[in-house]
C-alpha atoms as a PDB file:
ATOM      1  CA  MET A   1      27.769  -1.041  33.709  1.00  0.00           C
ATOM      2  CA  THR A   2      26.607  -4.222  35.396  1.00  0.00           C
ATOM      3  CA  GLY A   3      24.823  -7.325  34.248  1.00  0.00           C
ATOM      4  CA  HIS A   4      25.098  -9.276  31.038  1.00  0.00           C
ATOM      5  CA  GLU A   5      24.442  -8.347  27.455  1.00  0.00           C
ATOM      6  CA  PRO A   6      20.959  -9.469  26.362  1.00  0.00           C
ATOM      7  CA  THR A   7      21.063 -12.784  24.561  1.00  0.00           C
ATOM      8  CA  LYS A   8      20.733 -12.201  20.832  1.00  0.00           C
ATOM      9  CA  GLN A   9      17.831 -14.015  19.264  1.00  0.00           C
ATOM     10  CA  SER A  10      18.626 -16.223  16.316  1.00  0.00           C
ATOM     11  CA  HIS A  11      17.057 -15.044  13.075  1.00  0.00           C
ATOM     12  CA  ALA A  12      17.424 -18.355  11.312  1.00  0.00           C
ATOM     13  CA  PRO A  13      14.109 -19.482   9.870  1.00  0.00           C
ATOM     14  CA  ASN A  14      12.130 -21.824  12.065  1.00  0.00           C
ATOM     15  CA  ARG A  15      10.989 -25.236  10.938  1.00  0.00           C
ATOM     16  CA  LEU A  16       7.992 -24.946   8.647  1.00  0.00           C
ATOM     17  CA  ARG A  17       4.814 -25.916  10.454  1.00  0.00           C
ATOM     18  CA  LEU A  18       2.106 -24.488   8.181  1.00  0.00           C
ATOM     19  CA  ALA A  19       1.541 -24.113   4.446  1.00  0.00           C
ATOM     20  CA  VAL A  20      -1.102 -21.594   3.358  1.00  0.00           C
ATOM     21  CA  VAL A  21      -1.934 -22.757  -0.151  1.00  0.00           C
ATOM     22  CA  ASP A  22      -4.030 -21.068  -2.832  1.00  0.00           C
ATOM     23  CA  MET A  23      -6.721 -22.978  -4.692  1.00  0.00           C
ATOM     24  CA  VAL A  24      -7.505 -22.037  -8.349  1.00  0.00           C
ATOM     25  CA  GLY A  25      -4.291 -21.997 -10.348  1.00  0.00           C
ATOM     26  CA  THR A  26      -2.233 -23.602  -7.569  1.00  0.00           C
ATOM     27  CA  THR A  27      -3.961 -26.769  -6.357  1.00  0.00           C
ATOM     28  CA  ILE A  28      -6.895 -26.897  -8.782  1.00  0.00           C
ATOM     29  CA  THR A  29      -7.587 -25.888 -12.368  1.00  0.00           C
ATOM     30  CA  ASP A  30     -10.930 -24.768 -13.738  1.00  0.00           C
ATOM     31  CA  ASP A  31      -9.952 -24.390 -17.406  1.00  0.00           C
ATOM     32  CA  GLY A  32     -10.943 -20.724 -17.538  1.00  0.00           C
ATOM     33  CA  ARG A  33     -14.269 -21.091 -15.741  1.00  0.00           C
ATOM     34  CA  THR A  34     -13.440 -18.226 -13.350  1.00  0.00           C
ATOM     35  CA  GLU A  35     -13.105 -15.905 -16.332  1.00  0.00           C
ATOM     36  CA  ARG A  36     -16.270 -17.270 -17.944  1.00  0.00           C
ATOM     37  CA  ALA A  37     -18.243 -16.653 -14.750  1.00  0.00           C
ATOM     38  CA  MET A  38     -16.751 -13.148 -14.538  1.00  0.00           C
ATOM     39  CA  SER A  39     -17.733 -12.450 -18.166  1.00  0.00           C
ATOM     40  CA  ARG A  40     -21.306 -13.559 -17.498  1.00  0.00           C
ATOM     41  CA  ALA A  41     -21.520 -11.271 -14.466  1.00  0.00           C
ATOM     42  CA  LEU A  42     -20.332  -8.292 -16.541  1.00  0.00           C
ATOM     43  CA  VAL A  43     -22.748  -8.995 -19.410  1.00  0.00           C
ATOM     44  CA  ASP A  44     -25.675  -9.471 -17.015  1.00  0.00           C
ATOM     45  CA  HIS A  45     -24.935  -6.018 -15.631  1.00  0.00           C
ATOM     46  CA  GLY A  46     -25.021  -4.147 -18.918  1.00  0.00           C
ATOM     47  CA  ILE A  47     -21.445  -4.411 -20.150  1.00  0.00           C
ATOM     48  CA  GLU A  48     -21.453  -5.068 -23.916  1.00  0.00           C
ATOM     49  CA  PRO A  49     -19.386  -8.161 -24.794  1.00  0.00           C
ATOM     50  CA  GLY A  50     -16.364  -7.243 -26.898  1.00  0.00           C
ATOM     51  CA  SER A  51     -16.638  -3.538 -26.103  1.00  0.00           C
ATOM     52  CA  THR A  52     -13.613  -1.564 -24.928  1.00  0.00           C
ATOM     53  CA  ARG A  53     -15.146  -1.303 -21.463  1.00  0.00           C
ATOM     54  CA  PHE A  54     -15.816  -5.041 -21.322  1.00  0.00           C
ATOM     55  CA  GLU A  55     -12.256  -5.922 -22.353  1.00  0.00           C
ATOM     56  CA  SER A  56     -10.816  -3.403 -19.896  1.00  0.00           C
ATOM     57  CA  MET A  57     -12.896  -4.761 -17.015  1.00  0.00           C
ATOM     58  CA  LEU A  58     -12.098  -8.371 -17.887  1.00  0.00           C
ATOM     59  CA  GLY A  59      -8.423  -7.442 -18.178  1.00  0.00           C
ATOM     60  CA  TYR A  60      -8.535  -5.975 -14.666  1.00  0.00           C
ATOM     61  CA  ALA A  61     -10.147  -9.191 -13.397  1.00  0.00           C
ATOM     62  CA  ARG A  62      -7.316 -11.225 -14.996  1.00  0.00           C
ATOM     63  CA  ASP A  63      -4.622  -9.001 -13.538  1.00  0.00           C
ATOM     64  CA  THR A  64      -6.151  -9.260 -10.061  1.00  0.00           C
ATOM     65  CA  MET A  65      -6.699 -13.031  -9.988  1.00  0.00           C
ATOM     66  CA  GLY A  66      -6.302 -14.110  -6.372  1.00  0.00           C
ATOM     67  CA  LEU A  67      -8.075 -11.085  -4.920  1.00  0.00           C
ATOM     68  CA  SER A  68     -11.479 -11.365  -3.283  1.00  0.00           C
ATOM     69  CA  LYS A  69     -14.036 -11.412  -6.081  1.00  0.00           C
ATOM     70  CA  MET A  70     -16.174  -8.977  -4.079  1.00  0.00           C
ATOM     71  CA  THR A  71     -13.213  -6.579  -3.965  1.00  0.00           C
ATOM     72  CA  VAL A  72     -12.820  -6.872  -7.741  1.00  0.00           C
ATOM     73  CA  PHE A  73     -16.501  -6.111  -8.381  1.00  0.00           C
ATOM     74  CA  ASN A  74     -16.404  -3.178  -5.955  1.00  0.00           C
ATOM     75  CA  HIS A  75     -13.571  -1.744  -8.060  1.00  0.00           C
ATOM     76  CA  LEU A  76     -15.352  -2.379 -11.372  1.00  0.00           C
ATOM     77  CA  PHE A  77     -18.728  -0.923 -10.364  1.00  0.00           C
ATOM     78  CA  ASP A  78     -19.224   2.353  -8.502  1.00  0.00           C
ATOM     79  CA  ASP A  79     -22.504   1.214  -6.932  1.00  0.00           C
ATOM     80  CA  PRO A  80     -22.047  -1.279  -4.048  1.00  0.00           C
ATOM     81  CA  ASP A  81     -25.459  -2.816  -4.769  1.00  0.00           C
ATOM     82  CA  VAL A  82     -24.495  -3.464  -8.394  1.00  0.00           C
ATOM     83  CA  ALA A  83     -21.166  -4.937  -7.261  1.00  0.00           C
ATOM     84  CA  GLU A  84     -22.956  -7.269  -4.858  1.00  0.00           C
ATOM     85  CA  SER A  85     -25.430  -8.315  -7.544  1.00  0.00           C
ATOM     86  CA  ALA A  86     -22.593  -8.990 -10.013  1.00  0.00           C
ATOM     87  CA  ASN A  87     -20.784 -11.081  -7.407  1.00  0.00           C
ATOM     88  CA  LYS A  88     -23.939 -13.144  -6.903  1.00  0.00           C
ATOM     89  CA  VAL A  89     -24.174 -13.804 -10.662  1.00  0.00           C
ATOM     90  CA  PHE A  90     -20.510 -14.817 -10.615  1.00  0.00           C
ATOM     91  CA  GLU A  91     -21.072 -17.259  -7.747  1.00  0.00           C
ATOM     92  CA  ASN A  92     -24.197 -18.783  -9.302  1.00  0.00           C
ATOM     93  CA  SER A  93     -22.419 -19.174 -12.651  1.00  0.00           C
ATOM     94  CA  TYR A  94     -19.421 -20.808 -11.022  1.00  0.00           C
ATOM     95  CA  ASP A  95     -21.730 -23.233  -9.192  1.00  0.00           C
ATOM     96  CA  GLU A  96     -23.047 -24.331 -12.598  1.00  0.00           C
ATOM     97  CA  PHE A  97     -19.509 -24.762 -13.911  1.00  0.00           C
ATOM     98  CA  ILE A  98     -18.549 -26.889 -10.903  1.00  0.00           C
ATOM     99  CA  GLU A  99     -21.472 -29.191 -11.647  1.00  0.00           C
ATOM    100  CA  ASP A 100     -20.239 -29.753 -15.218  1.00  0.00           C
ATOM    101  CA  GLY A 101     -17.070 -31.354 -13.823  1.00  0.00           C
ATOM    102  CA  GLY A 102     -14.691 -28.674 -15.049  1.00  0.00           C
ATOM    103  CA  VAL A 103     -12.939 -28.095 -11.727  1.00  0.00           C
ATOM    104  CA  ARG A 104     -10.225 -30.660 -11.056  1.00  0.00           C
ATOM    105  CA  PRO A 105      -6.987 -31.045  -9.093  1.00  0.00           C
ATOM    106  CA  ILE A 106      -3.705 -29.969 -10.637  1.00  0.00           C
ATOM    107  CA  ALA A 107      -1.492 -33.016 -11.158  1.00  0.00           C
ATOM    108  CA  GLY A 108       0.364 -33.857  -7.966  1.00  0.00           C
ATOM    109  CA  ALA A 109      -1.430 -31.295  -5.796  1.00  0.00           C
ATOM    110  CA  GLU A 110      -3.252 -33.728  -3.530  1.00  0.00           C
ATOM    111  CA  GLU A 111      -0.119 -35.832  -3.120  1.00  0.00           C
ATOM    112  CA  ALA A 112       1.930 -32.735  -2.208  1.00  0.00           C
ATOM    113  CA  ILE A 113      -0.612 -31.696   0.414  1.00  0.00           C
ATOM    114  CA  LEU A 114      -0.703 -35.202   1.912  1.00  0.00           C
ATOM    115  CA  TRP A 115       3.112 -35.307   1.961  1.00  0.00           C
ATOM    116  CA  MET A 116       3.251 -32.028   3.871  1.00  0.00           C
ATOM    117  CA  ARG A 117       0.685 -33.212   6.391  1.00  0.00           C
ATOM    118  CA  GLU A 118       2.514 -36.509   6.874  1.00  0.00           C
ATOM    119  CA  SER A 119       5.758 -34.572   7.430  1.00  0.00           C
ATOM    120  CA  GLY A 120       4.131 -32.726  10.328  1.00  0.00           C
ATOM    121  CA  MET A 121       2.958 -29.526   8.631  1.00  0.00           C
ATOM    122  CA  GLN A 122      -0.557 -28.173   8.841  1.00  0.00           C
ATOM    123  CA  ILE A 123      -2.354 -27.029   5.687  1.00  0.00           C
ATOM    124  CA  CYS A 124      -4.696 -24.115   5.078  1.00  0.00           C
ATOM    125  CA  LEU A 125      -6.436 -23.843   1.703  1.00  0.00           C
ATOM    126  CA  ALA A 126      -7.087 -20.163   0.956  1.00  0.00           C
ATOM    127  CA  THR A 127      -9.092 -18.534  -1.820  1.00  0.00           C
ATOM    128  CA  GLY A 128     -10.481 -15.292  -3.188  1.00  0.00           C
ATOM    129  CA  PHE A 129     -13.884 -16.955  -3.605  1.00  0.00           C
ATOM    130  CA  GLY A 130     -16.702 -16.519  -1.115  1.00  0.00           C
ATOM    131  CA  ARG A 131     -17.354 -19.224   1.474  1.00  0.00           C
ATOM    132  CA  HIS A 132     -20.205 -20.849  -0.451  1.00  0.00           C
ATOM    133  CA  THR A 133     -18.136 -21.212  -3.632  1.00  0.00           C
ATOM    134  CA  GLN A 134     -15.093 -22.448  -1.742  1.00  0.00           C
ATOM    135  CA  ASN A 135     -17.169 -25.139  -0.036  1.00  0.00           C
ATOM    136  CA  MET A 136     -18.767 -26.137  -3.357  1.00  0.00           C
ATOM    137  CA  VAL A 137     -15.305 -26.592  -4.900  1.00  0.00           C
ATOM    138  CA  LEU A 138     -13.985 -28.580  -1.924  1.00  0.00           C
ATOM    139  CA  GLU A 139     -17.077 -30.802  -1.868  1.00  0.00           C
ATOM    140  CA  SER A 140     -16.932 -31.444  -5.608  1.00  0.00           C
ATOM    141  CA  LEU A 141     -13.339 -32.664  -5.287  1.00  0.00           C
ATOM    142  CA  GLY A 142     -13.900 -34.661  -2.097  1.00  0.00           C
ATOM    143  CA  TRP A 143     -11.438 -32.330  -0.367  1.00  0.00           C
ATOM    144  CA  MET A 144     -13.478 -31.231   2.659  1.00  0.00           C
ATOM    145  CA  GLY A 145     -11.128 -33.117   5.003  1.00  0.00           C
ATOM    146  CA  LEU A 146      -7.915 -32.698   3.020  1.00  0.00           C
ATOM    147  CA  ALA A 147      -6.654 -29.582   4.833  1.00  0.00           C
ATOM    148  CA  ASP A 148      -6.607 -28.604   8.507  1.00  0.00           C
ATOM    149  CA  LEU A 149      -8.344 -25.335   7.663  1.00  0.00           C
ATOM    150  CA  SER A 150      -9.930 -23.514   4.723  1.00  0.00           C
ATOM    151  CA  LEU A 151     -10.265 -19.731   4.618  1.00  0.00           C
ATOM    152  CA  CYS A 152     -11.886 -17.149   2.377  1.00  0.00           C
ATOM    153  CA  PRO A 153     -11.662 -13.342   2.651  1.00  0.00           C
ATOM    154  CA  SER A 154     -14.793 -12.961   4.783  1.00  0.00           C
ATOM    155  CA  ASP A 155     -13.290 -15.323   7.389  1.00  0.00           C
ATOM    156  CA  ALA A 156     -10.339 -12.995   7.907  1.00  0.00           C
ATOM    157  CA  GLY A 157     -11.653  -9.471   7.319  1.00  0.00           C
ATOM    158  CA  ARG A 158      -9.719  -8.740   4.140  1.00  0.00           C
ATOM    159  CA  GLY A 159      -8.539 -10.883   1.255  1.00  0.00           C
ATOM    160  CA  ARG A 160      -5.262 -10.747  -0.623  1.00  0.00           C
ATOM    161  CA  PRO A 161      -2.966  -8.882  -1.092  1.00  0.00           C
ATOM    162  CA  TYR A 162      -3.476  -8.215   2.629  1.00  0.00           C
ATOM    163  CA  PRO A 163      -1.935 -10.784   4.988  1.00  0.00           C
ATOM    164  CA  ASP A 164      -5.148 -11.318   6.963  1.00  0.00           C
ATOM    165  CA  MET A 165      -5.955 -14.870   5.823  1.00  0.00           C
ATOM    166  CA  ILE A 166      -2.415 -16.045   6.573  1.00  0.00           C
ATOM    167  CA  LEU A 167      -2.395 -14.406  10.003  1.00  0.00           C
ATOM    168  CA  THR A 168      -5.863 -15.814  10.732  1.00  0.00           C
ATOM    169  CA  ALA A 169      -4.507 -19.292   9.944  1.00  0.00           C
ATOM    170  CA  VAL A 170      -1.506 -18.703  12.242  1.00  0.00           C
ATOM    171  CA  LEU A 171      -3.858 -17.806  15.106  1.00  0.00           C
ATOM    172  CA  ALA A 172      -6.409 -20.542  14.392  1.00  0.00           C
ATOM    173  CA  LEU A 173      -3.754 -23.273  14.186  1.00  0.00           C
ATOM    174  CA  ASP A 174      -1.809 -22.012  17.206  1.00  0.00           C
ATOM    175  CA  LEU A 175       1.577 -21.310  15.635  1.00  0.00           C
ATOM    176  CA  ASP A 176       4.245 -19.467  17.568  1.00  0.00           C
ATOM    177  CA  ASP A 177       5.942 -17.582  14.751  1.00  0.00           C
ATOM    178  CA  VAL A 178       4.991 -16.397  11.253  1.00  0.00           C
ATOM    179  CA  ARG A 179       8.421 -17.596  10.079  1.00  0.00           C
ATOM    180  CA  GLU A 180       7.027 -21.119  10.478  1.00  0.00           C
ATOM    181  CA  VAL A 181       4.732 -20.434   7.497  1.00  0.00           C
ATOM    182  CA  ALA A 182       5.091 -21.248   3.799  1.00  0.00           C
ATOM    183  CA  VAL A 183       2.774 -19.430   1.386  1.00  0.00           C
ATOM    184  CA  VAL A 184       2.129 -20.974  -2.022  1.00  0.00           C
ATOM    185  CA  GLY A 185       0.229 -19.400  -4.907  1.00  0.00           C
ATOM    186  CA  ASP A 186       0.099 -18.521  -8.593  1.00  0.00           C
ATOM    187  CA  THR A 187      -0.606 -14.774  -8.457  1.00  0.00           C
ATOM    188  CA  SER A 188       1.159 -11.587  -7.441  1.00  0.00           C
ATOM    189  CA  SER A 189      -1.450 -11.037  -4.721  1.00  0.00           C
ATOM    190  CA  ASP A 190      -0.560 -14.438  -3.198  1.00  0.00           C
ATOM    191  CA  MET A 191       3.099 -13.379  -3.101  1.00  0.00           C
ATOM    192  CA  LEU A 192       2.344  -9.939  -1.637  1.00  0.00           C
ATOM    193  CA  SER A 193       0.195 -11.408   1.109  1.00  0.00           C
ATOM    194  CA  GLY A 194       2.983 -13.848   1.955  1.00  0.00           C
ATOM    195  CA  VAL A 195       5.635 -11.130   2.137  1.00  0.00           C
ATOM    196  CA  ARG A 196       3.403  -8.887   4.235  1.00  0.00           C
ATOM    197  CA  SER A 197       2.624 -11.695   6.672  1.00  0.00           C
ATOM    198  CA  GLY A 198       6.295 -12.357   7.402  1.00  0.00           C
ATOM    199  CA  ALA A 199       6.225 -15.931   6.048  1.00  0.00           C
ATOM    200  CA  SER A 200       9.748 -17.295   5.518  1.00  0.00           C
ATOM    201  CA  LEU A 201       8.906 -19.216   2.322  1.00  0.00           C
ATOM    202  CA  VAL A 202       6.821 -17.485  -0.357  1.00  0.00           C
ATOM    203  CA  ALA A 203       6.618 -19.861  -3.306  1.00  0.00           C
ATOM    204  CA  GLY A 204       5.160 -18.999  -6.687  1.00  0.00           C
ATOM    205  CA  VAL A 205       3.894 -21.685  -9.063  1.00  0.00           C
ATOM    206  CA  LEU A 206       3.546 -21.394 -12.838  1.00  0.00           C
ATOM    207  CA  THR A 207       0.323 -23.415 -13.248  1.00  0.00           C
ATOM    208  CA  GLY A 208      -1.946 -20.377 -12.981  1.00  0.00           C
ATOM    209  CA  SER A 209      -2.333 -16.736 -13.857  1.00  0.00           C
ATOM    210  CA  HIS A 210       0.991 -14.954 -13.533  1.00  0.00           C
ATOM    211  CA  SER A 211       4.489 -15.275 -15.004  1.00  0.00           C
ATOM    212  CA  GLU A 212       7.715 -15.946 -13.126  1.00  0.00           C
ATOM    213  CA  ALA A 213       8.750 -12.304 -13.581  1.00  0.00           C
ATOM    214  CA  THR A 214       5.442 -11.082 -12.102  1.00  0.00           C
ATOM    215  CA  LEU A 215       5.651 -13.488  -9.159  1.00  0.00           C
ATOM    216  CA  ARG A 216       9.261 -12.534  -8.373  1.00  0.00           C
ATOM    217  CA  ALA A 217       8.475  -8.827  -8.655  1.00  0.00           C
ATOM    218  CA  ALA A 218       5.740  -9.327  -6.046  1.00  0.00           C
ATOM    219  CA  GLY A 219       8.195 -10.919  -3.604  1.00  0.00           C
ATOM    220  CA  ALA A 220       8.340 -14.658  -4.343  1.00  0.00           C
ATOM    221  CA  THR A 221      11.354 -16.178  -2.596  1.00  0.00           C
ATOM    222  CA  VAL A 222      11.243 -19.071  -5.076  1.00  0.00           C
ATOM    223  CA  VAL A 223       9.284 -19.977  -8.222  1.00  0.00           C
ATOM    224  CA  VAL A 224       8.631 -23.575  -9.299  1.00  0.00           C
ATOM    225  CA  ASP A 225       6.714 -25.151 -12.158  1.00  0.00           C
ATOM    226  CA  SER A 226       3.970 -26.575  -9.958  1.00  0.00           C
ATOM    227  CA  ILE A 227       2.963 -27.461  -6.421  1.00  0.00           C
ATOM    228  CA  LYS A 228       4.135 -31.039  -6.932  1.00  0.00           C
ATOM    229  CA  GLN A 229       7.697 -29.702  -6.519  1.00  0.00           C
ATOM    230  CA  LEU A 230       6.895 -28.245  -3.101  1.00  0.00           C
ATOM    231  CA  PRO A 231       7.820 -31.316  -1.010  1.00  0.00           C
ATOM    232  CA  LEU A 232      11.346 -31.315  -2.493  1.00  0.00           C
ATOM    233  CA  LEU A 233      11.576 -27.567  -1.877  1.00  0.00           C
ATOM    234  CA  VAL A 234      10.558 -28.001   1.760  1.00  0.00           C
ATOM    235  CA  GLU A 235      12.976 -30.918   2.252  1.00  0.00           C
ATOM    236  CA  LYS A 236      15.906 -28.903   0.890  1.00  0.00           C
ATOM    237  CA  ARG A 237      15.031 -25.902   3.025  1.00  0.00           C
ATOM    238  CA  GLU A 238      14.706 -27.960   6.188  1.00  0.00           C
ATOM    239  CA  ALA A 239      18.006 -29.733   5.501  1.00  0.00           C
ATOM    240  CA  ARG A 240      19.803 -26.376   5.234  1.00  0.00           C
ATOM    241  CA  HIS A 241      18.502 -25.254   8.624  1.00  0.00           C
ATOM    242  CA  LEU A 242      18.990 -28.392  10.714  1.00  0.00           C
END
């Protein structure tokens, strides 16, 4: 044999350069307005409030928080036209709820995002909402310029638990390696999308829909109380890999 052995590539995690961060339940709270808008959409499409079917459908919507709302309605209704109509009612209802001032930042979220940007990371705000609703939320909070990028399922092809939004952000923001990505969210679908993307940090927060056990079962590499602890988490991780 001649020549040298191929140089082995290091598998140590790269420095974090991008955080893909969920919105409702992670960086903002809406005090149950997502569920209220979902309930209105079900009732407007013939589902009797309080009935077994209503509770079952609403339970599915709770369990799948973080997924594209269009995907949820497509599961709940067999007819695509009905699903689309229900999604429109949901979006219109949520617009009303935004106007009543019920959507607000989670304590420390804006500061955590600014800290990450100042430390050299890029930020993508990702959601299961449609583009119109996402923009309405960002505008209502004065957050249109807070992140480097905002993405919804239609921007990427598929929403969570698929990795498409994360990989779209990697491409759009010109990263070299998915291991340079941190994914932060409050639902199992956030965690699954992070694991499937190859992100090296998949952080669950307990300010939203799912428990620590649920987040860890879906692949969270760490679970913290809220996003305001993320800067410390990032600092510790970076210090370990200097």
